[in-house]
Protein backbone atom coordinates (compact mmCIF):
# COMPACT_ATOMS: atom_id res chain seq x y z
CA MET A 1 0.01 0.02 0.00
CA ILE A 2 2.85 2.35 0.81
CA VAL A 3 4.60 1.58 -2.48
CA ASN A 4 1.37 2.31 -4.39
CA PHE A 5 1.12 5.66 -2.63
CA ILE A 6 4.70 6.54 -3.40
CA CYS A 7 4.31 5.63 -7.06
CA ARG A 8 1.26 7.77 -7.35
CA TYR A 9 2.88 10.67 -5.53
CA TYR A 10 5.97 10.63 -7.75
CA SER A 11 4.34 9.52 -10.99
CA ALA A 12 4.40 12.98 -12.66
CA THR A 13 8.15 13.19 -11.72
CA ILE A 14 8.76 9.73 -13.13
CA ILE A 15 6.96 10.62 -16.30
CA LYS A 16 9.06 13.82 -16.64
CA MET A 17 12.20 11.75 -16.15
CA SER A 18 11.12 9.48 -19.01
CA GLY A 19 11.37 12.35 -21.47
CA VAL A 20 8.15 14.37 -21.25
CA GLU A 21 9.37 17.95 -20.91
CA ASN A 22 6.13 19.80 -20.26
CA THR A 23 5.09 19.65 -16.57
CA SER A 24 1.41 20.07 -17.41
CA THR A 25 1.52 17.12 -19.74
CA ALA A 26 3.26 14.95 -17.14
CA ILE A 27 0.58 15.83 -14.62
CA TRP A 28 -2.22 14.96 -17.04
CA LEU A 29 -0.53 11.66 -17.94
CA ALA A 30 -0.17 10.83 -14.25
CA SER A 31 -3.83 11.66 -13.76
CA LEU A 32 -4.77 9.44 -16.58
CA THR A 33 -2.75 6.56 -15.14
CA ALA A 34 -4.46 7.07 -11.77
CA PHE A 35 -7.91 7.15 -13.42
CA VAL A 36 -7.25 3.88 -15.35
CA ASN A 37 -6.08 2.28 -12.13
CA PHE A 38 -9.28 3.46 -10.37
CA ILE A 39 -11.52 2.11 -13.16
CA PHE A 40 -9.87 -1.27 -13.32
CA THR A 41 -10.04 -1.71 -9.59
CA PHE A 42 -13.85 -1.92 -10.09
CA VAL A 43 -13.36 -4.29 -13.01
CA GLY A 44 -11.27 -6.55 -10.75
CA LEU A 45 -13.88 -6.38 -7.99
CA PHE A 46 -16.60 -7.29 -10.48
CA LEU A 47 -14.57 -10.21 -11.84
CA VAL A 48 -13.80 -11.53 -8.34
CA ASP A 49 -17.50 -11.52 -7.48
CA ARG A 50 -18.54 -12.96 -10.86
CA ILE A 51 -15.84 -15.57 -11.53
CA GLY A 52 -14.15 -16.19 -8.16
CA ARG A 53 -10.68 -15.93 -6.85
CA ARG A 54 -9.37 -19.42 -7.77
CA PRO A 55 -10.12 -19.21 -11.55
CA LEU A 56 -8.64 -15.72 -11.68
CA THR A 57 -5.49 -16.80 -9.80
CA LEU A 58 -5.07 -19.84 -12.05
CA GLY A 59 -5.59 -17.69 -15.15
CA SER A 60 -3.06 -15.16 -13.99
CA LEU A 61 -0.62 -17.95 -13.17
CA CYS A 62 -0.97 -19.33 -16.74
CA GLY A 63 -0.45 -15.82 -18.12
CA GLU A 64 2.72 -15.36 -16.02
CA LEU A 65 4.07 -18.76 -17.09
CA HIS A 66 3.48 -17.95 -20.77
CA SER A 67 5.15 -14.55 -20.36
CA SER A 68 8.16 -16.03 -18.59
CA LEU A 69 8.57 -18.66 -21.28
CA CYS A 70 8.40 -16.06 -24.00
CA ARG A 71 10.98 -13.88 -22.22
CA LEU A 72 13.26 -16.93 -21.83
CA GLN A 73 12.93 -17.73 -25.51
CA ILE A 74 13.78 -14.15 -26.48
CA LEU A 75 16.79 -14.13 -24.10
CA TYR A 76 17.95 -17.47 -25.61
CA CYS A 77 17.71 -16.08 -29.16
CA ILE A 78 19.62 -12.94 -28.13
CA LEU A 79 22.34 -14.94 -26.49
CA LEU A 80 22.47 -17.41 -29.38
CA LEU A 81 22.74 -14.63 -32.00
CA GLY A 82 25.14 -12.65 -29.84
CA SER A 83 27.53 -15.60 -29.54
CA GLY A 84 28.15 -15.65 -33.33
CA LEU A 85 26.45 -18.98 -34.03
């Protein structure tokens, strides 16, 4: 919870550090990010009530496994091409 607060508090600064030079634009982008987080909190609550925790947890586990395997495959290809083979 503290980490979430810190990320929200410094989000405009982080966006400015990423290359956005206008302060007003950085604040609007940070606000947009917070709004999307707010909306999808309710989507998550709806899905937990509708589907249940176990299916959502198993679905996210499958997604994480797939993502990790894709990243490992990309890393393997980079290392294989980088070695000159």
